[in-house]
PDB file of all heavy atoms in Angstrom:
ATOM      1  N   SER A   1     -26.256 -59.890  54.014  1.00  0.00           N
ATOM      2  CA  SER A   1     -25.680 -61.207  54.283  1.00  0.00           C
ATOM      3  C   SER A   1     -24.309 -61.341  53.640  1.00  0.00           C
ATOM      4  O   SER A   1     -23.405 -61.980  54.193  1.00  0.00           O
ATOM      5  CB  SER A   1     -26.615 -62.311  53.765  1.00  0.00           C
ATOM      6  OG  SER A   1     -26.654 -62.314  52.345  1.00  0.00           O
ATOM      7  N   LEU A   2     -24.121 -60.724  52.479  1.00  0.00           N
ATOM      8  CA  LEU A   2     -22.822 -60.750  51.823  1.00  0.00           C
ATOM      9  C   LEU A   2     -21.813 -59.927  52.614  1.00  0.00           C
ATOM     10  O   LEU A   2     -20.646 -60.326  52.752  1.00  0.00           O
ATOM     11  CB  LEU A   2     -22.947 -60.215  50.400  1.00  0.00           C
ATOM     12  CG  LEU A   2     -21.664 -60.185  49.560  1.00  0.00           C
ATOM     13  CD1 LEU A   2     -21.125 -61.591  49.392  1.00  0.00           C
ATOM     14  CD2 LEU A   2     -21.934 -59.556  48.210  1.00  0.00           C
ATOM     15  N   ASP A   3     -22.247 -58.786  53.130  1.00  0.00           N
ATOM     16  CA  ASP A   3     -21.356 -57.960  53.937  1.00  0.00           C
ATOM     17  C   ASP A   3     -20.853 -58.732  55.157  1.00  0.00           C
ATOM     18  O   ASP A   3     -19.678 -58.645  55.524  1.00  0.00           O
ATOM     19  CB  ASP A   3     -22.073 -56.689  54.394  1.00  0.00           C
ATOM     20  CG  ASP A   3     -22.296 -55.712  53.239  1.00  0.00           C
ATOM     21  OD1 ASP A   3     -21.663 -55.887  52.183  1.00  0.00           O
ATOM     22  OD2 ASP A   3     -23.105 -54.792  53.402  1.00  0.00           O
ATOM     23  N   ASN A   4     -21.736 -59.479  55.778  1.00  0.00           N
ATOM     24  CA  ASN A   4     -21.337 -60.263  56.952  1.00  0.00           C
ATOM     25  C   ASN A   4     -20.286 -61.308  56.575  1.00  0.00           C
ATOM     26  O   ASN A   4     -19.320 -61.530  57.318  1.00  0.00           O
ATOM     27  CB  ASN A   4     -22.569 -60.939  57.563  1.00  0.00           C
ATOM     28  CG  ASN A   4     -23.517 -59.943  58.199  1.00  0.00           C
ATOM     29  OD1 ASN A   4     -23.114 -58.850  58.590  1.00  0.00           O
ATOM     30  ND2 ASN A   4     -24.783 -60.295  58.284  1.00  0.00           N
ATOM     31  N   ASP A   5     -20.468 -61.956  55.440  1.00  0.00           N
ATOM     32  CA  ASP A   5     -19.494 -62.956  54.988  1.00  0.00           C
ATOM     33  C   ASP A   5     -18.139 -62.322  54.703  1.00  0.00           C
ATOM     34  O   ASP A   5     -17.088 -62.879  55.034  1.00  0.00           O
ATOM     35  CB  ASP A   5     -20.005 -63.659  53.730  1.00  0.00           C
ATOM     36  CG  ASP A   5     -21.182 -64.581  54.013  1.00  0.00           C
ATOM     37  OD1 ASP A   5     -21.343 -64.977  55.191  1.00  0.00           O
ATOM     38  OD2 ASP A   5     -21.933 -64.896  53.082  1.00  0.00           O
ATOM     39  N   ILE A   6     -18.165 -61.137  54.086  1.00  0.00           N
ATOM     40  CA  ILE A   6     -16.909 -60.454  53.763  1.00  0.00           C
ATOM     41  C   ILE A   6     -16.186 -60.028  55.033  1.00  0.00           C
ATOM     42  O   ILE A   6     -14.971 -60.191  55.175  1.00  0.00           O
ATOM     43  CB  ILE A   6     -17.181 -59.246  52.851  1.00  0.00           C
ATOM     44  CG1 ILE A   6     -17.619 -59.726  51.470  1.00  0.00           C
ATOM     45  CG2 ILE A   6     -15.945 -58.367  52.726  1.00  0.00           C
ATOM     46  CD1 ILE A   6     -18.010 -58.621  50.535  1.00  0.00           C
ATOM     47  N   LEU A   7     -16.938 -59.492  55.995  1.00  0.00           N
ATOM     48  CA  LEU A   7     -16.328 -59.103  57.264  1.00  0.00           C
ATOM     49  C   LEU A   7     -15.713 -60.301  57.965  1.00  0.00           C
ATOM     50  O   LEU A   7     -14.618 -60.223  58.532  1.00  0.00           O
ATOM     51  CB  LEU A   7     -17.381 -58.443  58.167  1.00  0.00           C
ATOM     52  CG  LEU A   7     -17.739 -56.991  57.860  1.00  0.00           C
ATOM     53  CD1 LEU A   7     -18.890 -56.536  58.735  1.00  0.00           C
ATOM     54  CD2 LEU A   7     -16.528 -56.090  58.077  1.00  0.00           C
ATOM     55  N   ALA A   8     -16.423 -61.424  57.927  1.00  0.00           N
ATOM     56  CA  ALA A   8     -15.930 -62.624  58.617  1.00  0.00           C
ATOM     57  C   ALA A   8     -14.650 -63.157  57.979  1.00  0.00           C
ATOM     58  O   ALA A   8     -13.810 -63.758  58.665  1.00  0.00           O
ATOM     59  CB  ALA A   8     -17.008 -63.697  58.608  1.00  0.00           C
ATOM     60  N   SER A   9     -14.494 -62.961  56.669  1.00  0.00           N
ATOM     61  CA  SER A   9     -13.323 -63.498  55.971  1.00  0.00           C
ATOM     62  C   SER A   9     -12.155 -62.518  55.915  1.00  0.00           C
ATOM     63  O   SER A   9     -11.043 -62.893  55.533  1.00  0.00           O
ATOM     64  CB  SER A   9     -13.708 -63.908  54.549  1.00  0.00           C
ATOM     65  OG  SER A   9     -14.116 -62.772  53.801  1.00  0.00           O
ATOM     66  N   ASN A  10     -12.370 -61.262  56.291  1.00  0.00           N
ATOM     67  CA  ASN A  10     -11.296 -60.270  56.240  1.00  0.00           C
ATOM     68  C   ASN A  10     -10.256 -60.545  57.316  1.00  0.00           C
ATOM     69  O   ASN A  10     -10.559 -61.101  58.373  1.00  0.00           O
ATOM     70  CB  ASN A  10     -11.855 -58.864  56.426  1.00  0.00           C
ATOM     71  CG  ASN A  10     -12.407 -58.294  55.136  1.00  0.00           C
ATOM     72  OD1 ASN A  10     -12.146 -58.822  54.062  1.00  0.00           O
ATOM     73  ND2 ASN A  10     -13.175 -57.230  55.240  1.00  0.00           N
ATOM     74  N   ARG A  11      -9.019 -60.109  57.050  1.00  0.00           N
ATOM     75  CA  ARG A  11      -7.949 -60.286  58.006  1.00  0.00           C
ATOM     76  C   ARG A  11      -7.110 -59.020  58.066  1.00  0.00           C
ATOM     77  O   ARG A  11      -7.159 -58.171  57.163  1.00  0.00           O
ATOM     78  CB  ARG A  11      -7.068 -61.478  57.624  1.00  0.00           C
ATOM     79  CG  ARG A  11      -6.503 -61.401  56.219  1.00  0.00           C
ATOM     80  CD  ARG A  11      -5.798 -62.682  55.828  1.00  0.00           C
ATOM     81  NE  ARG A  11      -4.649 -62.928  56.655  1.00  0.00           N
ATOM     82  CZ  ARG A  11      -3.420 -62.427  56.384  1.00  0.00           C
ATOM     83  NH1 ARG A  11      -3.253 -61.654  55.335  1.00  0.00           N
ATOM     84  NH2 ARG A  11      -2.415 -62.694  57.166  1.00  0.00           N
ATOM     85  N   VAL A  12      -6.323 -58.900  59.122  1.00  0.00           N
ATOM     86  CA  VAL A  12      -5.455 -57.735  59.284  1.00  0.00           C
ATOM     87  C   VAL A  12      -4.344 -57.800  58.233  1.00  0.00           C
ATOM     88  O   VAL A  12      -3.795 -58.873  57.967  1.00  0.00           O
ATOM     89  CB  VAL A  12      -4.843 -57.725  60.703  1.00  0.00           C
ATOM     90  CG1 VAL A  12      -3.842 -56.582  60.843  1.00  0.00           C
ATOM     91  CG2 VAL A  12      -5.942 -57.602  61.737  1.00  0.00           C
ATOM     92  N   PRO A  13      -3.981 -56.677  57.601  1.00  0.00           N
ATOM     93  CA  PRO A  13      -2.907 -56.689  56.597  1.00  0.00           C
ATOM     94  C   PRO A  13      -1.583 -57.167  57.200  1.00  0.00           C
ATOM     95  O   PRO A  13      -1.330 -57.006  58.395  1.00  0.00           O
ATOM     96  CB  PRO A  13      -2.810 -55.227  56.156  1.00  0.00           C
ATOM     97  CG  PRO A  13      -4.118 -54.621  56.531  1.00  0.00           C
ATOM     98  CD  PRO A  13      -4.584 -55.342  57.747  1.00  0.00           C
ATOM     99  N   ASP A  14      -0.752 -57.737  56.347  1.00  0.00           N
ATOM    100  CA  ASP A  14       0.578 -58.162  56.794  1.00  0.00           C
ATOM    101  C   ASP A  14       1.468 -56.949  57.029  1.00  0.00           C
ATOM    102  O   ASP A  14       1.436 -55.979  56.265  1.00  0.00           O
ATOM    103  CB  ASP A  14       1.224 -59.066  55.734  1.00  0.00           C
ATOM    104  CG  ASP A  14       0.495 -60.395  55.596  1.00  0.00           C
ATOM    105  OD1 ASP A  14      -0.061 -60.855  56.616  1.00  0.00           O
ATOM    106  OD2 ASP A  14       0.458 -60.945  54.482  1.00  0.00           O
ATOM    107  N   ASP A  15       2.267 -57.024  58.081  1.00  0.00           N
ATOM    108  CA  ASP A  15       3.274 -55.998  58.350  1.00  0.00           C
ATOM    109  C   ASP A  15       4.577 -56.505  57.731  1.00  0.00           C
ATOM    110  O   ASP A  15       5.381 -57.173  58.375  1.00  0.00           O
ATOM    111  CB  ASP A  15       3.421 -55.798  59.861  1.00  0.00           C
ATOM    112  CG  ASP A  15       4.352 -54.648  60.194  1.00  0.00           C
ATOM    113  OD1 ASP A  15       4.766 -53.923  59.263  1.00  0.00           O
ATOM    114  OD2 ASP A  15       4.686 -54.481  61.384  1.00  0.00           O
ATOM    115  N   GLN A  16       4.795 -56.200  56.451  1.00  0.00           N
ATOM    116  CA  GLN A  16       5.847 -56.883  55.697  1.00  0.00           C
ATOM    117  C   GLN A  16       7.031 -56.012  55.291  1.00  0.00           C
ATOM    118  O   GLN A  16       7.913 -56.462  54.565  1.00  0.00           O
ATOM    119  CB  GLN A  16       5.232 -57.517  54.446  1.00  0.00           C
ATOM    120  CG  GLN A  16       4.477 -56.553  53.558  1.00  0.00           C
ATOM    121  CD  GLN A  16       3.814 -57.254  52.382  1.00  0.00           C
ATOM    122  OE1 GLN A  16       4.125 -58.396  52.077  1.00  0.00           O
ATOM    123  NE2 GLN A  16       2.906 -56.559  51.709  1.00  0.00           N
ATOM    124  N   PHE A  17       7.072 -54.774  55.755  1.00  0.00           N
ATOM    125  CA  PHE A  17       8.202 -53.909  55.404  1.00  0.00           C
ATOM    126  C   PHE A  17       9.363 -54.149  56.366  1.00  0.00           C
ATOM    127  O   PHE A  17       9.176 -54.172  57.587  1.00  0.00           O
ATOM    128  CB  PHE A  17       7.775 -52.434  55.467  1.00  0.00           C
ATOM    129  CG  PHE A  17       8.799 -51.484  54.918  1.00  0.00           C
ATOM    130  CD1 PHE A  17       8.799 -51.153  53.581  1.00  0.00           C
ATOM    131  CD2 PHE A  17       9.753 -50.909  55.743  1.00  0.00           C
ATOM    132  CE1 PHE A  17       9.739 -50.271  53.066  1.00  0.00           C
ATOM    133  CE2 PHE A  17      10.696 -50.026  55.241  1.00  0.00           C
ATOM    134  CZ  PHE A  17      10.691 -49.706  53.893  1.00  0.00           C
ATOM    135  N   ASN A  18      10.589 -54.312  55.816  1.00  0.00           N
ATOM    136  CA  ASN A  18      11.765 -54.581  56.650  1.00  0.00           C
ATOM    137  C   ASN A  18      12.914 -53.618  56.374  1.00  0.00           C
ATOM    138  O   ASN A  18      14.068 -53.919  56.702  1.00  0.00           O
ATOM    139  CB  ASN A  18      12.252 -56.023  56.428  1.00  0.00           C
ATOM    140  CG  ASN A  18      11.251 -57.045  56.941  1.00  0.00           C
ATOM    141  OD1 ASN A  18      10.756 -56.930  58.060  1.00  0.00           O
ATOM    142  ND2 ASN A  18      10.934 -58.035  56.109  1.00  0.00           N
ATOM    143  N   GLY A  19      12.609 -52.475  55.761  1.00  0.00           N
ATOM    144  CA  GLY A  19      13.654 -51.505  55.446  1.00  0.00           C
ATOM    145  C   GLY A  19      14.205 -50.824  56.686  1.00  0.00           C
ATOM    146  O   GLY A  19      13.603 -50.847  57.763  1.00  0.00           O
ATOM    147  N   ALA A  20      15.364 -50.176  56.521  1.00  0.00           N
ATOM    148  CA  ALA A  20      16.024 -49.516  57.651  1.00  0.00           C
ATOM    149  C   ALA A  20      15.217 -48.350  58.203  1.00  0.00           C
ATOM    150  O   ALA A  20      15.372 -47.983  59.377  1.00  0.00           O
ATOM    151  CB  ALA A  20      17.407 -49.032  57.203  1.00  0.00           C
ATOM    152  N   ASP A  21      14.353 -47.755  57.386  1.00  0.00           N
ATOM    153  CA  ASP A  21      13.575 -46.592  57.828  1.00  0.00           C
ATOM    154  C   ASP A  21      12.173 -46.977  58.307  1.00  0.00           C
ATOM    155  O   ASP A  21      11.280 -46.127  58.399  1.00  0.00           O
ATOM    156  CB  ASP A  21      13.476 -45.561  56.703  1.00  0.00           C
ATOM    157  CG  ASP A  21      13.014 -46.171  55.381  1.00  0.00           C
ATOM    158  OD1 ASP A  21      12.888 -47.410  55.310  1.00  0.00           O
ATOM    159  OD2 ASP A  21      12.793 -45.411  54.427  1.00  0.00           O
ATOM    160  N   LYS A  22      11.967 -48.242  58.638  1.00  0.00           N
ATOM    161  CA  LYS A  22      10.635 -48.679  59.052  1.00  0.00           C
ATOM    162  C   LYS A  22      10.145 -47.946  60.297  1.00  0.00           C
ATOM    163  O   LYS A  22       8.984 -47.516  60.364  1.00  0.00           O
ATOM    164  CB  LYS A  22      10.617 -50.186  59.300  1.00  0.00           C
ATOM    165  CG  LYS A  22       9.245 -50.695  59.732  1.00  0.00           C
ATOM    166  CD  LYS A  22       9.219 -52.196  59.883  1.00  0.00           C
ATOM    167  CE  LYS A  22       7.830 -52.682  60.302  1.00  0.00           C
ATOM    168  NZ  LYS A  22       7.765 -54.147  60.403  1.00  0.00           N
ATOM    169  N   GLN A  23      11.012 -47.792  61.283  1.00  0.00           N
ATOM    170  CA  GLN A  23      10.586 -47.141  62.527  1.00  0.00           C
ATOM    171  C   GLN A  23      10.174 -45.698  62.272  1.00  0.00           C
ATOM    172  O   GLN A  23       9.193 -45.208  62.827  1.00  0.00           O
ATOM    173  CB  GLN A  23      11.708 -47.192  63.562  1.00  0.00           C
ATOM    174  CG  GLN A  23      11.286 -46.740  64.952  1.00  0.00           C
ATOM    175  CD  GLN A  23      10.106 -47.520  65.501  1.00  0.00           C
ATOM    176  OE1 GLN A  23      10.048 -48.754  65.357  1.00  0.00           O
ATOM    177  NE2 GLN A  23       9.167 -46.832  66.128  1.00  0.00           N
ATOM    178  N   GLN A  24      10.920 -45.020  61.418  1.00  0.00           N
ATOM    179  CA  GLN A  24      10.564 -43.648  61.067  1.00  0.00           C
ATOM    180  C   GLN A  24       9.211 -43.597  60.370  1.00  0.00           C
ATOM    181  O   GLN A  24       8.392 -42.711  60.626  1.00  0.00           O
ATOM    182  CB  GLN A  24      11.646 -43.048  60.165  1.00  0.00           C
ATOM    183  CG  GLN A  24      11.420 -41.583  59.818  1.00  0.00           C
ATOM    184  CD  GLN A  24      12.464 -41.048  58.862  1.00  0.00           C
ATOM    185  OE1 GLN A  24      13.328 -41.790  58.387  1.00  0.00           O
ATOM    186  NE2 GLN A  24      12.400 -39.754  58.575  1.00  0.00           N
ATOM    187  N   MET A  25       8.959 -44.570  59.498  1.00  0.00           N
ATOM    188  CA  MET A  25       7.685 -44.631  58.792  1.00  0.00           C
ATOM    189  C   MET A  25       6.532 -44.878  59.768  1.00  0.00           C
ATOM    190  O   MET A  25       5.473 -44.254  59.671  1.00  0.00           O
ATOM    191  CB  MET A  25       7.727 -45.727  57.731  1.00  0.00           C
ATOM    192  CG  MET A  25       8.726 -45.453  56.621  1.00  0.00           C
ATOM    193  SD  MET A  25       9.061 -46.907  55.592  1.00  0.00           S
ATOM    194  CE  MET A  25       7.491 -47.110  54.750  1.00  0.00           C
ATOM    195  N   LEU A  26       6.735 -45.780  60.727  1.00  0.00           N
ATOM    196  CA  LEU A  26       5.691 -46.060  61.712  1.00  0.00           C
ATOM    197  C   LEU A  26       5.391 -44.822  62.562  1.00  0.00           C
ATOM    198  O   LEU A  26       4.227 -44.557  62.890  1.00  0.00           O
ATOM    199  CB  LEU A  26       6.118 -47.217  62.613  1.00  0.00           C
ATOM    200  CG  LEU A  26       6.041 -48.612  61.992  1.00  0.00           C
ATOM    201  CD1 LEU A  26       6.664 -49.635  62.927  1.00  0.00           C
ATOM    202  CD2 LEU A  26       4.599 -48.984  61.675  1.00  0.00           C
ATOM    203  N   GLU A  27       6.405 -44.076  62.899  1.00  0.00           N
ATOM    204  CA  GLU A  27       6.191 -42.852  63.688  1.00  0.00           C
ATOM    205  C   GLU A  27       5.374 -41.835  62.902  1.00  0.00           C
ATOM    206  O   GLU A  27       4.515 -41.141  63.460  1.00  0.00           O
ATOM    207  CB  GLU A  27       7.544 -42.273  64.095  1.00  0.00           C
ATOM    208  CG  GLU A  27       8.274 -43.117  65.131  1.00  0.00           C
ATOM    209  CD  GLU A  27       9.670 -42.598  65.409  1.00  0.00           C
ATOM    210  OE1 GLU A  27      10.056 -41.570  64.780  1.00  0.00           O
ATOM    211  OE2 GLU A  27      10.375 -43.202  66.242  1.00  0.00           O
ATOM    212  N   ILE A  28       5.625 -41.754  61.593  1.00  0.00           N
ATOM    213  CA  ILE A  28       4.845 -40.833  60.749  1.00  0.00           C
ATOM    214  C   ILE A  28       3.391 -41.293  60.655  1.00  0.00           C
ATOM    215  O   ILE A  28       2.456 -40.491  60.740  1.00  0.00           O
ATOM    216  CB  ILE A  28       5.482 -40.736  59.348  1.00  0.00           C
ATOM    217  CG1 ILE A  28       6.836 -40.056  59.440  1.00  0.00           C
ATOM    218  CG2 ILE A  28       4.570 -39.976  58.399  1.00  0.00           C
ATOM    219  CD1 ILE A  28       7.607 -40.061  58.137  1.00  0.00           C
ATOM    220  N   VAL A  29       3.193 -42.616  60.490  1.00  0.00           N
ATOM    221  CA  VAL A  29       1.833 -43.162  60.431  1.00  0.00           C
ATOM    222  C   VAL A  29       1.071 -42.831  61.705  1.00  0.00           C
ATOM    223  O   VAL A  29      -0.080 -42.373  61.674  1.00  0.00           O
ATOM    224  CB  VAL A  29       1.879 -44.688  60.195  1.00  0.00           C
ATOM    225  CG1 VAL A  29       0.507 -45.306  60.440  1.00  0.00           C
ATOM    226  CG2 VAL A  29       2.341 -44.995  58.782  1.00  0.00           C
TER     227      VAL A  29
END
């Protein structure tokens, strides 16, 4: 029951990087 509550409250991480090499980093990911 606790696992269900945790899953329900989880959210997608913020995409907060704004550096010039972001696109290169995304391609590597």
